[in-house]
């Protein structure tokens, strides 16, 4: 009886580590299979990208004009960047798989690799990431080297090119323009507050809360301040228009220079843009200044007219 009991206890004790080892091995195998699945999925994307690159090289060899060549060359560069990212991700998962397998005893490594048919994964070098297998973009006689793309078309409008974005003179003009525009907004708000004060005085007079004589002092102060703020607005608008004209002219000059040097693919688009900037430089700026002056002058005249009418009404009511 004692022998049977001891034998039973030994069987239970021996079974526990076997059970634990089996569970651990299954978890490791699941981890390896997960990594293998990720690698397979990434390899599918890698193959599709390589096919797209091969197709693009076929297109570039058949390019018959500068625009086709440059557009296809740009596509190839984008696909090469995508391929590099894909291979970097693949490398990370290969490392995960190899490290997991290498942590096992040799006899278990062989069993798992043979069972799941992933021996080739262990022969990969995850530290070697390259796209050197992709050939360079060909350059033919009479064709430009890659990267003369200076215009992009989006929704029918031309985006600002790098020459314009990085021009120091334009950057300084833009900074000054933003500062003056900010001051112009502040001046406009001051004008609105003064108008509210004048309106409050006129309402109080109409309601009989204060007499026109006692209100005249405050009105005169506010009206004087109104003339000052409106003159400030005019000056700021004039300065803004001057800066806008300089910005338009500078952009036009840069585009014309690029056009003259033959760096443009979409010539018609650039020429239209130059004409648009020329029109904005002359017509819009002068019209905007004229509209602002008319608006502010009408505002001053309107306030004076209302005050005069209010005085006449109070005189007649006496």
C-alpha atoms as a PDB file:
ATOM      1  CA  UNK A   1       0.000   0.000   0.000  1.00  0.00           C
ATOM      2  CA  UNK A   2       2.816   2.377   0.925  1.00  0.00           C
ATOM      3  CA  UNK A   3       4.713   1.503  -2.250  1.00  0.00           C
ATOM      4  CA  UNK A   4       1.621   2.222  -4.340  1.00  0.00           C
ATOM      5  CA  UNK A   5       1.103   5.570  -2.608  1.00  0.00           C
ATOM      6  CA  UNK A   6       4.745   6.613  -3.072  1.00  0.00           C
ATOM      7  CA  UNK A   7       4.631   5.575  -6.731  1.00  0.00           C
ATOM      8  CA  UNK A   8       1.475   7.639  -7.254  1.00  0.00           C
ATOM      9  CA  UNK A   9       3.028  10.722  -5.664  1.00  0.00           C
ATOM     10  CA  UNK A  10       6.132  10.359  -7.861  1.00  0.00           C
ATOM     11  CA  UNK A  11       3.976  10.129 -10.983  1.00  0.00           C
ATOM     12  CA  UNK A  12       2.160  13.356 -10.058  1.00  0.00           C
ATOM     13  CA  UNK A  13       5.398  15.192  -9.285  1.00  0.00           C
ATOM     14  CA  UNK A  14       6.967  14.046 -12.568  1.00  0.00           C
ATOM     15  CA  UNK A  15       3.883  14.991 -14.560  1.00  0.00           C
ATOM     16  CA  UNK A  16       3.876  18.617 -13.431  1.00  0.00           C
ATOM     17  CA  UNK A  17       7.130  19.728 -15.146  1.00  0.00           C
ATOM     18  CA  UNK A  18       6.134  17.800 -18.270  1.00  0.00           C
ATOM     19  CA  UNK A  19       2.855  19.709 -18.368  1.00  0.00           C
ATOM     20  CA  UNK A  20       4.591  23.033 -17.774  1.00  0.00           C
ATOM     21  CA  UNK A  21       7.196  22.351 -20.480  1.00  0.00           C
ATOM     22  CA  UNK A  22       4.483  21.401 -22.951  1.00  0.00           C
ATOM     23  CA  UNK A  23       2.556  24.623 -22.299  1.00  0.00           C
ATOM     24  CA  UNK A  24       5.709  26.711 -22.583  1.00  0.00           C
ATOM     25  CA  UNK A  25       6.716  25.021 -25.833  1.00  0.00           C
ATOM     26  CA  UNK A  26       3.263  25.653 -27.296  1.00  0.00           C
ATOM     27  CA  UNK A  27       3.475  29.351 -26.380  1.00  0.00           C
ATOM     28  CA  UNK A  28       6.910  29.603 -28.011  1.00  0.00           C
ATOM     29  CA  UNK A  29       5.652  27.877 -31.136  1.00  0.00           C
ATOM     30  CA  UNK A  30       2.664  30.234 -31.300  1.00  0.00           C
ATOM     31  CA  UNK A  31       5.035  33.198 -31.046  1.00  0.00           C
ATOM     32  CA  UNK A  32       7.189  31.834 -33.874  1.00  0.00           C
ATOM     33  CA  UNK A  33       4.147  31.215 -36.073  1.00  0.00           C
ATOM     34  CA  UNK A  34       2.916  34.758 -35.403  1.00  0.00           C
ATOM     35  CA  UNK A  35       6.280  36.190 -36.478  1.00  0.00           C
ATOM     36  CA  UNK A  36       6.278  33.950 -39.562  1.00  0.00           C
ATOM     37  CA  UNK A  37       2.792  35.187 -40.506  1.00  0.00           C
ATOM     38  CA  UNK A  38       3.927  38.806 -40.238  1.00  0.00           C
ATOM     39  CA  UNK A  39       7.006  38.078 -42.367  1.00  0.00           C
ATOM     40  CA  UNK A  40       4.890  36.353 -45.045  1.00  0.00           C
ATOM     41  CA  UNK A  41       2.430  39.258 -45.181  1.00  0.00           C
ATOM     42  CA  UNK A  42       5.282  41.762 -45.463  1.00  0.00           C
ATOM     43  CA  UNK A  43       6.896  39.696 -48.234  1.00  0.00           C
ATOM     44  CA  UNK A  44       3.645  39.929 -50.200  1.00  0.00           C
ATOM     45  CA  UNK A  45       3.813  43.740 -49.950  1.00  0.00           C
ATOM     46  CA  UNK A  46       7.510  43.603 -50.865  1.00  0.00           C
ATOM     47  CA  UNK A  47       6.739  41.577 -53.998  1.00  0.00           C
ATOM     48  CA  UNK A  48       3.951  43.961 -55.049  1.00  0.00           C
ATOM     49  CA  UNK A  49       6.273  46.947 -54.583  1.00  0.00           C
ATOM     50  CA  UNK A  50       9.024  45.278 -56.637  1.00  0.00           C
ATOM     51  CA  UNK A  51       6.493  44.557 -59.403  1.00  0.00           C
ATOM     52  CA  UNK A  52       5.410  48.225 -59.375  1.00  0.00           C
ATOM     53  CA  UNK A  53       9.044  49.355 -59.581  1.00  0.00           C
ATOM     54  CA  UNK A  54       9.713  46.988 -62.484  1.00  0.00           C
ATOM     55  CA  UNK A  55       6.639  48.328 -64.286  1.00  0.00           C
ATOM     56  CA  UNK A  56       7.757  51.929 -63.667  1.00  0.00           C
ATOM     57  CA  UNK A  57      11.191  51.195 -65.148  1.00  0.00           C
ATOM     58  CA  UNK A  58       9.431  49.849 -68.215  1.00  0.00           C
ATOM     59  CA  UNK A  59       7.474  53.117 -68.466  1.00  0.00           C
ATOM     60  CA  UNK A  60      10.554  55.287 -68.028  1.00  0.00           C
ATOM     61  CA  UNK A  61      12.376  53.448 -70.815  1.00  0.00           C
ATOM     62  CA  UNK A  62       9.442  54.259 -73.069  1.00  0.00           C
ATOM     63  CA  UNK A  63       9.236  57.938 -72.049  1.00  0.00           C
ATOM     64  CA  UNK A  64       8.911  60.171 -75.073  1.00  0.00           C
ATOM     65  CA  UNK A  65       8.937  63.553 -73.350  1.00  0.00           C
ATOM     66  CA  UNK A  66      10.505  65.326 -70.406  1.00  0.00           C
ATOM     67  CA  UNK A  67       7.270  65.418 -68.406  1.00  0.00           C
ATOM     68  CA  UNK A  68       6.721  61.638 -68.686  1.00  0.00           C
ATOM     69  CA  UNK A  69      10.326  60.947 -67.717  1.00  0.00           C
ATOM     70  CA  UNK A  70      10.272  63.152 -64.626  1.00  0.00           C
ATOM     71  CA  UNK A  71       6.851  61.995 -63.458  1.00  0.00           C
ATOM     72  CA  UNK A  72       7.826  58.316 -63.717  1.00  0.00           C
ATOM     73  CA  UNK A  73      11.212  58.947 -62.093  1.00  0.00           C
ATOM     74  CA  UNK A  74       9.411  60.518 -59.152  1.00  0.00           C
ATOM     75  CA  UNK A  75       7.164  57.454 -58.858  1.00  0.00           C
ATOM     76  CA  UNK A  76      10.239  55.195 -58.787  1.00  0.00           C
ATOM     77  CA  UNK A  77      11.812  57.244 -55.989  1.00  0.00           C
ATOM     78  CA  UNK A  78       8.607  57.024 -53.934  1.00  0.00           C
ATOM     79  CA  UNK A  79       8.415  53.244 -54.488  1.00  0.00           C
ATOM     80  CA  UNK A  80      12.072  52.831 -53.460  1.00  0.00           C
ATOM     81  CA  UNK A  81      11.365  54.642 -50.191  1.00  0.00           C
ATOM     82  CA  UNK A  82       8.368  52.366 -49.615  1.00  0.00           C
ATOM     83  CA  UNK A  83      10.475  49.265 -50.340  1.00  0.00           C
ATOM     84  CA  UNK A  84      13.109  50.337 -47.819  1.00  0.00           C
ATOM     85  CA  UNK A  85      10.466  50.819 -45.111  1.00  0.00           C
ATOM     86  CA  UNK A  86       8.938  47.412 -45.900  1.00  0.00           C
ATOM     87  CA  UNK A  87      12.314  45.700 -45.636  1.00  0.00           C
ATOM     88  CA  UNK A  88      13.056  47.435 -42.344  1.00  0.00           C
ATOM     89  CA  UNK A  89       9.800  46.086 -40.884  1.00  0.00           C
ATOM     90  CA  UNK A  90      10.550  42.622 -42.271  1.00  0.00           C
ATOM     91  CA  UNK A  91      13.995  42.706 -40.639  1.00  0.00           C
ATOM     92  CA  UNK A  92      12.470  43.393 -37.211  1.00  0.00           C
ATOM     93  CA  UNK A  93      10.168  40.367 -37.455  1.00  0.00           C
ATOM     94  CA  UNK A  94      12.993  38.114 -38.691  1.00  0.00           C
ATOM     95  CA  UNK A  95      14.979  39.118 -35.601  1.00  0.00           C
ATOM     96  CA  UNK A  96      12.005  38.273 -33.372  1.00  0.00           C
ATOM     97  CA  UNK A  97      11.660  34.833 -34.988  1.00  0.00           C
ATOM     98  CA  UNK A  98      15.392  34.032 -34.869  1.00  0.00           C
ATOM     99  CA  UNK A  99      15.810  35.167 -31.251  1.00  0.00           C
ATOM    100  CA  UNK A 100      12.813  33.089 -30.179  1.00  0.00           C
ATOM    101  CA  UNK A 101      14.119  29.961 -31.913  1.00  0.00           C
ATOM    102  CA  UNK A 102      17.696  30.434 -30.677  1.00  0.00           C
ATOM    103  CA  UNK A 103      16.457  30.574 -27.083  1.00  0.00           C
ATOM    104  CA  UNK A 104      15.294  26.935 -27.349  1.00  0.00           C
ATOM    105  CA  UNK A 105      17.425  23.814 -26.820  1.00  0.00           C
ATOM    106  CA  UNK A 106      18.947  22.482 -30.104  1.00  0.00           C
ATOM    107  CA  UNK A 107      16.687  19.408 -30.347  1.00  0.00           C
ATOM    108  CA  UNK A 108      13.571  21.574 -29.970  1.00  0.00           C
ATOM    109  CA  UNK A 109      14.880  24.099 -32.512  1.00  0.00           C
ATOM    110  CA  UNK A 110      15.212  21.353 -35.125  1.00  0.00           C
ATOM    111  CA  UNK A 111      11.764  19.989 -34.310  1.00  0.00           C
ATOM    112  CA  UNK A 112      10.000  23.354 -34.626  1.00  0.00           C
ATOM    113  CA  UNK A 113      11.896  24.452 -37.748  1.00  0.00           C
ATOM    114  CA  UNK A 114      11.230  21.149 -39.508  1.00  0.00           C
ATOM    115  CA  UNK A 115       7.594  21.069 -38.426  1.00  0.00           C
ATOM    116  CA  UNK A 116       6.838  24.612 -39.609  1.00  0.00           C
ATOM    117  CA  UNK A 117       9.197  24.586 -42.621  1.00  0.00           C
ATOM    118  CA  UNK A 118      10.923  27.849 -41.710  1.00  0.00           C
ATOM    119  CA  UNK A 119      14.589  26.765 -41.859  1.00  0.00           C
ATOM    120  CA  UNK A 120      15.265  29.416 -44.506  1.00  0.00           C
ATOM    121  CA  UNK A 121      14.282  32.173 -42.043  1.00  0.00           C
ATOM    122  CA  UNK A 122      17.231  31.238 -39.816  1.00  0.00           C
ATOM    123  CA  UNK A 123      19.633  31.784 -42.721  1.00  0.00           C
ATOM    124  CA  UNK A 124      18.477  35.391 -43.258  1.00  0.00           C
ATOM    125  CA  UNK A 125      20.666  38.296 -42.133  1.00  0.00           C
ATOM    126  CA  UNK A 126      18.263  40.778 -40.475  1.00  0.00           C
ATOM    127  CA  UNK A 127      21.021  43.372 -40.049  1.00  0.00           C
ATOM    128  CA  UNK A 128      21.435  43.725 -43.819  1.00  0.00           C
ATOM    129  CA  UNK A 129      18.768  46.131 -45.070  1.00  0.00           C
ATOM    130  CA  UNK A 130      19.265  47.474 -48.571  1.00  0.00           C
ATOM    131  CA  UNK A 131      17.571  48.451 -51.816  1.00  0.00           C
ATOM    132  CA  UNK A 132      20.798  48.120 -53.795  1.00  0.00           C
ATOM    133  CA  UNK A 133      19.062  45.545 -56.005  1.00  0.00           C
ATOM    134  CA  UNK A 134      17.027  48.400 -57.512  1.00  0.00           C
ATOM    135  CA  UNK A 135      18.932  49.925 -60.451  1.00  0.00           C
ATOM    136  CA  UNK A 136      19.574  53.637 -60.820  1.00  0.00           C
ATOM    137  CA  UNK A 137      17.196  55.706 -62.905  1.00  0.00           C
ATOM    138  CA  UNK A 138      18.564  55.801 -66.452  1.00  0.00           C
ATOM    139  CA  UNK A 139      19.637  59.086 -67.992  1.00  0.00           C
ATOM    140  CA  UNK A 140      19.448  59.307 -71.753  1.00  0.00           C
ATOM    141  CA  UNK A 141      20.999  61.813 -74.087  1.00  0.00           C
ATOM    142  CA  UNK A 142      18.747  64.851 -74.252  1.00  0.00           C
ATOM    143  CA  UNK A 143      16.877  63.800 -71.115  1.00  0.00           C
ATOM    144  CA  UNK A 144      17.332  65.608 -67.801  1.00  0.00           C
ATOM    145  CA  UNK A 145      18.810  64.120 -64.681  1.00  0.00           C
ATOM    146  CA  UNK A 146      16.183  63.326 -62.112  1.00  0.00           C
ATOM    147  CA  UNK A 147      14.796  66.004 -59.777  1.00  0.00           C
ATOM    148  CA  UNK A 148      13.930  68.916 -62.066  1.00  0.00           C
ATOM    149  CA  UNK A 149      10.331  68.652 -60.860  1.00  0.00           C
ATOM    150  CA  UNK A 150       9.532  72.158 -59.689  1.00  0.00           C
ATOM    151  CA  UNK A 151       5.773  72.249 -60.020  1.00  0.00           C
ATOM    152  CA  UNK A 152       2.958  70.135 -58.650  1.00  0.00           C
ATOM    153  CA  UNK A 153      -0.633  70.202 -59.761  1.00  0.00           C
ATOM    154  CA  UNK A 154      -3.340  69.741 -57.138  1.00  0.00           C
ATOM    155  CA  UNK A 155      -7.000  70.571 -57.717  1.00  0.00           C
ATOM    156  CA  UNK A 156      -6.049  72.669 -60.714  1.00  0.00           C
ATOM    157  CA  UNK A 157      -3.774  74.968 -58.682  1.00  0.00           C
ATOM    158  CA  UNK A 158      -0.006  75.073 -58.675  1.00  0.00           C
ATOM    159  CA  UNK A 159       1.615  74.569 -55.286  1.00  0.00           C
ATOM    160  CA  UNK A 160       4.459  76.841 -54.236  1.00  0.00           C
ATOM    161  CA  UNK A 161       7.751  75.498 -55.528  1.00  0.00           C
ATOM    162  CA  UNK A 162      10.877  75.044 -53.420  1.00  0.00           C
ATOM    163  CA  UNK A 163      12.547  78.112 -54.953  1.00  0.00           C
ATOM    164  CA  UNK A 164       9.723  80.280 -53.621  1.00  0.00           C
ATOM    165  CA  UNK A 165       9.466  78.545 -50.246  1.00  0.00           C
ATOM    166  CA  UNK A 166      13.175  79.047 -49.493  1.00  0.00           C
ATOM    167  CA  UNK A 167      13.724  82.530 -50.952  1.00  0.00           C
ATOM    168  CA  UNK A 168      15.145  84.704 -48.138  1.00  0.00           C
ATOM    169  CA  UNK A 169      13.732  87.946 -49.532  1.00  0.00           C
ATOM    170  CA  UNK A 170      10.256  86.433 -49.690  1.00  0.00           C
ATOM    171  CA  UNK A 171      10.545  85.021 -46.179  1.00  0.00           C
ATOM    172  CA  UNK A 172      11.391  88.475 -44.797  1.00  0.00           C
ATOM    173  CA  UNK A 173       8.533  90.071 -46.732  1.00  0.00           C
ATOM    174  CA  UNK A 174       6.091  87.450 -45.433  1.00  0.00           C
ATOM    175  CA  UNK A 175       7.212  87.997 -41.833  1.00  0.00           C
ATOM    176  CA  UNK A 176       6.820  91.757 -42.153  1.00  0.00           C
ATOM    177  CA  UNK A 177       3.439  91.299 -43.851  1.00  0.00           C
ATOM    178  CA  UNK A 178       2.152  89.158 -40.958  1.00  0.00           C
ATOM    179  CA  UNK A 179       3.308  91.712 -38.364  1.00  0.00           C
ATOM    180  CA  UNK A 180       1.656  94.641 -40.161  1.00  0.00           C
ATOM    181  CA  UNK A 181      -1.511  92.609 -40.688  1.00  0.00           C
ATOM    182  CA  UNK A 182      -1.634  91.887 -36.953  1.00  0.00           C
ATOM    183  CA  UNK A 183      -1.295  95.609 -36.173  1.00  0.00           C
ATOM    184  CA  UNK A 184      -4.021  96.383 -38.710  1.00  0.00           C
ATOM    185  CA  UNK A 185      -6.416  94.007 -36.941  1.00  0.00           C
ATOM    186  CA  UNK A 186      -5.636  95.638 -33.588  1.00  0.00           C
ATOM    187  CA  UNK A 187      -6.304  99.075 -35.074  1.00  0.00           C
ATOM    188  CA  UNK A 188      -9.612  97.862 -36.517  1.00  0.00           C
ATOM    189  CA  UNK A 189     -10.686  96.556 -33.094  1.00  0.00           C
ATOM    190  CA  UNK A 190      -9.846  99.933 -31.539  1.00  0.00           C
ATOM    191  CA  UNK A 191     -12.012 101.638 -34.145  1.00  0.00           C
ATOM    192  CA  UNK A 192     -14.900  99.299 -33.318  1.00  0.00           C
ATOM    193  CA  UNK A 193     -14.612 100.058 -29.590  1.00  0.00           C
ATOM    194  CA  UNK A 194     -14.609 103.821 -30.241  1.00  0.00           C
ATOM    195  CA  UNK A 195     -17.693 103.425 -32.443  1.00  0.00           C
ATOM    196  CA  UNK A 196     -19.440 101.541 -29.639  1.00  0.00           C
ATOM    197  CA  UNK A 197     -18.669 104.435 -27.281  1.00  0.00           C
ATOM    198  CA  UNK A 198     -20.028 107.027 -29.719  1.00  0.00           C
ATOM    199  CA  UNK A 199     -23.132 104.921 -30.326  1.00  0.00           C
ATOM    200  CA  UNK A 200     -23.732 104.637 -26.552  1.00  0.00           C
ATOM    201  CA  UNK A 201     -23.569 108.444 -26.199  1.00  0.00           C
ATOM    202  CA  UNK A 202     -26.054 108.977 -29.046  1.00  0.00           C
ATOM    203  CA  UNK A 203     -28.473 106.385 -27.633  1.00  0.00           C
ATOM    204  CA  UNK A 204     -28.328 108.030 -24.195  1.00  0.00           C
ATOM    205  CA  UNK A 205     -29.093 111.446 -25.760  1.00  0.00           C
ATOM    206  CA  UNK A 206     -32.063 110.060 -27.722  1.00  0.00           C
ATOM    207  CA  UNK A 207     -33.447 108.439 -24.563  1.00  0.00           C
ATOM    208  CA  UNK A 208     -33.040 111.675 -22.659  1.00  0.00           C
ATOM    209  CA  UNK A 209     -30.622 110.238 -20.119  1.00  0.00           C
ATOM    210  CA  UNK A 210     -28.068 112.978 -20.805  1.00  0.00           C
ATOM    211  CA  UNK A 211     -28.203 116.357 -22.523  1.00  0.00           C
ATOM    212  CA  UNK A 212     -26.425 117.005 -25.789  1.00  0.00           C
ATOM    213  CA  UNK A 213     -24.367 119.828 -24.274  1.00  0.00           C
ATOM    214  CA  UNK A 214     -22.991 117.680 -21.431  1.00  0.00           C
ATOM    215  CA  UNK A 215     -22.325 114.814 -23.868  1.00  0.00           C
ATOM    216  CA  UNK A 216     -20.459 117.007 -26.370  1.00  0.00           C
ATOM    217  CA  UNK A 217     -17.135 116.828 -24.502  1.00  0.00           C
ATOM    218  CA  UNK A 218     -17.068 113.019 -24.457  1.00  0.00           C
ATOM    219  CA  UNK A 219     -18.301 112.865 -28.047  1.00  0.00           C
ATOM    220  CA  UNK A 220     -15.561 115.217 -29.265  1.00  0.00           C
ATOM    221  CA  UNK A 221     -12.891 113.143 -27.493  1.00  0.00           C
ATOM    222  CA  UNK A 222     -14.189 109.912 -28.994  1.00  0.00           C
ATOM    223  CA  UNK A 223     -14.611 111.425 -32.457  1.00  0.00           C
ATOM    224  CA  UNK A 224     -11.024 112.696 -32.355  1.00  0.00           C
ATOM    225  CA  UNK A 225      -9.891 109.213 -31.332  1.00  0.00           C
ATOM    226  CA  UNK A 226     -11.991 107.694 -34.137  1.00  0.00           C
ATOM    227  CA  UNK A 227     -10.249 109.840 -36.739  1.00  0.00           C
ATOM    228  CA  UNK A 228      -6.899 108.732 -35.306  1.00  0.00           C
ATOM    229  CA  UNK A 229      -7.698 104.997 -35.403  1.00  0.00           C
ATOM    230  CA  UNK A 230      -9.165 105.192 -38.915  1.00  0.00           C
ATOM    231  CA  UNK A 231      -6.050 106.990 -40.154  1.00  0.00           C
ATOM    232  CA  UNK A 232      -3.978 104.214 -38.590  1.00  0.00           C
ATOM    233  CA  UNK A 233      -6.103 101.644 -40.412  1.00  0.00           C
ATOM    234  CA  UNK A 234      -5.511 103.447 -43.704  1.00  0.00           C
ATOM    235  CA  UNK A 235      -1.744 103.492 -43.144  1.00  0.00           C
ATOM    236  CA  UNK A 236      -1.643  99.817 -42.246  1.00  0.00           C
ATOM    237  CA  UNK A 237      -3.781  98.852 -45.243  1.00  0.00           C
ATOM    238  CA  UNK A 238      -1.516 100.925 -47.481  1.00  0.00           C
ATOM    239  CA  UNK A 239       1.543  99.171 -46.036  1.00  0.00           C
ATOM    240  CA  UNK A 240      -0.108  95.758 -46.372  1.00  0.00           C
ATOM    241  CA  UNK A 241      -0.918  96.423 -50.020  1.00  0.00           C
ATOM    242  CA  UNK A 242       2.643  97.566 -50.658  1.00  0.00           C
ATOM    243  CA  UNK A 243       3.999  94.362 -49.092  1.00  0.00           C
ATOM    244  CA  UNK A 244       1.510  92.216 -51.010  1.00  0.00           C
ATOM    245  CA  UNK A 245       2.645  93.865 -54.237  1.00  0.00           C
ATOM    246  CA  UNK A 246       6.289  93.176 -53.370  1.00  0.00           C
ATOM    247  CA  UNK A 247       5.463  89.540 -52.553  1.00  0.00           C
ATOM    248  CA  UNK A 248       3.535  89.055 -55.806  1.00  0.00           C
ATOM    249  CA  UNK A 249       6.313  90.704 -57.821  1.00  0.00           C
ATOM    250  CA  UNK A 250       9.011  88.611 -56.154  1.00  0.00           C
ATOM    251  CA  UNK A 251       7.145  85.362 -56.806  1.00  0.00           C
ATOM    252  CA  UNK A 252       6.568  86.405 -60.391  1.00  0.00           C
ATOM    253  CA  UNK A 253      10.275  87.187 -60.805  1.00  0.00           C
ATOM    254  CA  UNK A 254      11.289  83.765 -59.446  1.00  0.00           C
ATOM    255  CA  UNK A 255       8.840  81.913 -61.698  1.00  0.00           C
ATOM    256  CA  UNK A 256       9.945  83.904 -64.744  1.00  0.00           C
ATOM    257  CA  UNK A 257      13.590  83.086 -63.983  1.00  0.00           C
ATOM    258  CA  UNK A 258      12.775  79.374 -63.700  1.00  0.00           C
ATOM    259  CA  UNK A 259      10.791  79.536 -66.924  1.00  0.00           C
ATOM    260  CA  UNK A 260      13.666  81.268 -68.741  1.00  0.00           C
ATOM    261  CA  UNK A 261      16.122  78.597 -67.549  1.00  0.00           C
ATOM    262  CA  UNK A 262      13.937  75.811 -68.950  1.00  0.00           C
ATOM    263  CA  UNK A 263      13.366  74.139 -65.587  1.00  0.00           C
ATOM    264  CA  UNK A 264       9.613  74.009 -66.002  1.00  0.00           C
ATOM    265  CA  UNK A 265       7.582  71.028 -67.079  1.00  0.00           C
ATOM    266  CA  UNK A 266       4.089  72.541 -67.125  1.00  0.00           C
ATOM    267  CA  UNK A 267       4.980  75.755 -68.977  1.00  0.00           C
ATOM    268  CA  UNK A 268       1.379  76.825 -69.597  1.00  0.00           C
ATOM    269  CA  UNK A 269       0.540  76.463 -65.909  1.00  0.00           C
ATOM    270  CA  UNK A 270       3.538  78.566 -64.857  1.00  0.00           C
ATOM    271  CA  UNK A 271       2.826  81.243 -67.472  1.00  0.00           C
ATOM    272  CA  UNK A 272      -0.776  81.458 -66.248  1.00  0.00           C
ATOM    273  CA  UNK A 273       0.487  81.765 -62.690  1.00  0.00           C
ATOM    274  CA  UNK A 274       2.827  84.597 -63.707  1.00  0.00           C
ATOM    275  CA  UNK A 275      -0.039  86.460 -65.367  1.00  0.00           C
ATOM    276  CA  UNK A 276      -2.218  85.914 -62.294  1.00  0.00           C
ATOM    277  CA  UNK A 277       0.493  87.333 -59.988  1.00  0.00           C
ATOM    278  CA  UNK A 278       0.923  90.308 -62.302  1.00  0.00           C
ATOM    279  CA  UNK A 279      -2.806  91.001 -62.174  1.00  0.00           C
ATOM    280  CA  UNK A 280      -2.894  90.640 -58.374  1.00  0.00           C
ATOM    281  CA  UNK A 281       0.104  92.946 -58.013  1.00  0.00           C
ATOM    282  CA  UNK A 282      -1.506  95.806 -59.904  1.00  0.00           C
ATOM    283  CA  UNK A 283      -5.288  95.599 -59.825  1.00  0.00           C
ATOM    284  CA  UNK A 284      -6.091  93.950 -56.488  1.00  0.00           C
ATOM    285  CA  UNK A 285      -3.735  96.062 -54.368  1.00  0.00           C
ATOM    286  CA  UNK A 286      -4.983  99.392 -55.691  1.00  0.00           C
ATOM    287  CA  UNK A 287      -8.634  98.301 -55.478  1.00  0.00           C
ATOM    288  CA  UNK A 288      -8.261  97.120 -51.887  1.00  0.00           C
ATOM    289  CA  UNK A 289      -6.693 100.402 -50.790  1.00  0.00           C
ATOM    290  CA  UNK A 290      -9.382 102.390 -52.595  1.00  0.00           C
ATOM    291  CA  UNK A 291     -12.179 100.355 -50.980  1.00  0.00           C
ATOM    292  CA  UNK A 292     -10.665 100.780 -47.502  1.00  0.00           C
ATOM    293  CA  UNK A 293     -10.314 104.556 -47.867  1.00  0.00           C
ATOM    294  CA  UNK A 294     -13.883 104.879 -49.143  1.00  0.00           C
ATOM    295  CA  UNK A 295     -15.247 102.759 -46.288  1.00  0.00           C
ATOM    296  CA  UNK A 296     -13.423 104.675 -43.542  1.00  0.00           C
ATOM    297  CA  UNK A 297     -14.203 108.089 -45.052  1.00  0.00           C
ATOM    298  CA  UNK A 298     -17.874 107.124 -45.298  1.00  0.00           C
ATOM    299  CA  UNK A 299     -17.757 106.002 -41.671  1.00  0.00           C
ATOM    300  CA  UNK A 300     -16.385 109.365 -40.477  1.00  0.00           C
ATOM    301  CA  UNK A 301     -18.864 111.311 -42.609  1.00  0.00           C
ATOM    302  CA  UNK A 302     -21.746 109.157 -41.361  1.00  0.00           C
ATOM    303  CA  UNK A 303     -20.879 109.778 -37.698  1.00  0.00           C
ATOM    304  CA  UNK A 304     -20.605 113.536 -38.307  1.00  0.00           C
ATOM    305  CA  UNK A 305     -23.959 113.530 -40.097  1.00  0.00           C
ATOM    306  CA  UNK A 306     -25.676 111.613 -37.266  1.00  0.00           C
ATOM    307  CA  UNK A 307     -24.290 113.979 -34.633  1.00  0.00           C
ATOM    308  CA  UNK A 308     -25.402 117.014 -36.605  1.00  0.00           C
ATOM    309  CA  UNK A 309     -28.917 115.582 -37.033  1.00  0.00           C
ATOM    310  CA  UNK A 310     -29.059 114.804 -33.317  1.00  0.00           C
ATOM    311  CA  UNK A 311     -28.092 118.388 -32.452  1.00  0.00           C
ATOM    312  CA  UNK A 312     -30.763 119.767 -34.806  1.00  0.00           C
ATOM    313  CA  UNK A 313     -33.430 117.487 -33.300  1.00  0.00           C
ATOM    314  CA  UNK A 314     -32.617 118.615 -29.763  1.00  0.00           C
ATOM    315  CA  UNK A 315     -32.681 122.289 -30.788  1.00  0.00           C
ATOM    316  CA  UNK A 316     -36.110 121.861 -32.437  1.00  0.00           C
ATOM    317  CA  UNK A 317     -37.481 120.015 -29.409  1.00  0.00           C
ATOM    318  CA  UNK A 318     -36.669 122.909 -27.055  1.00  0.00           C
END
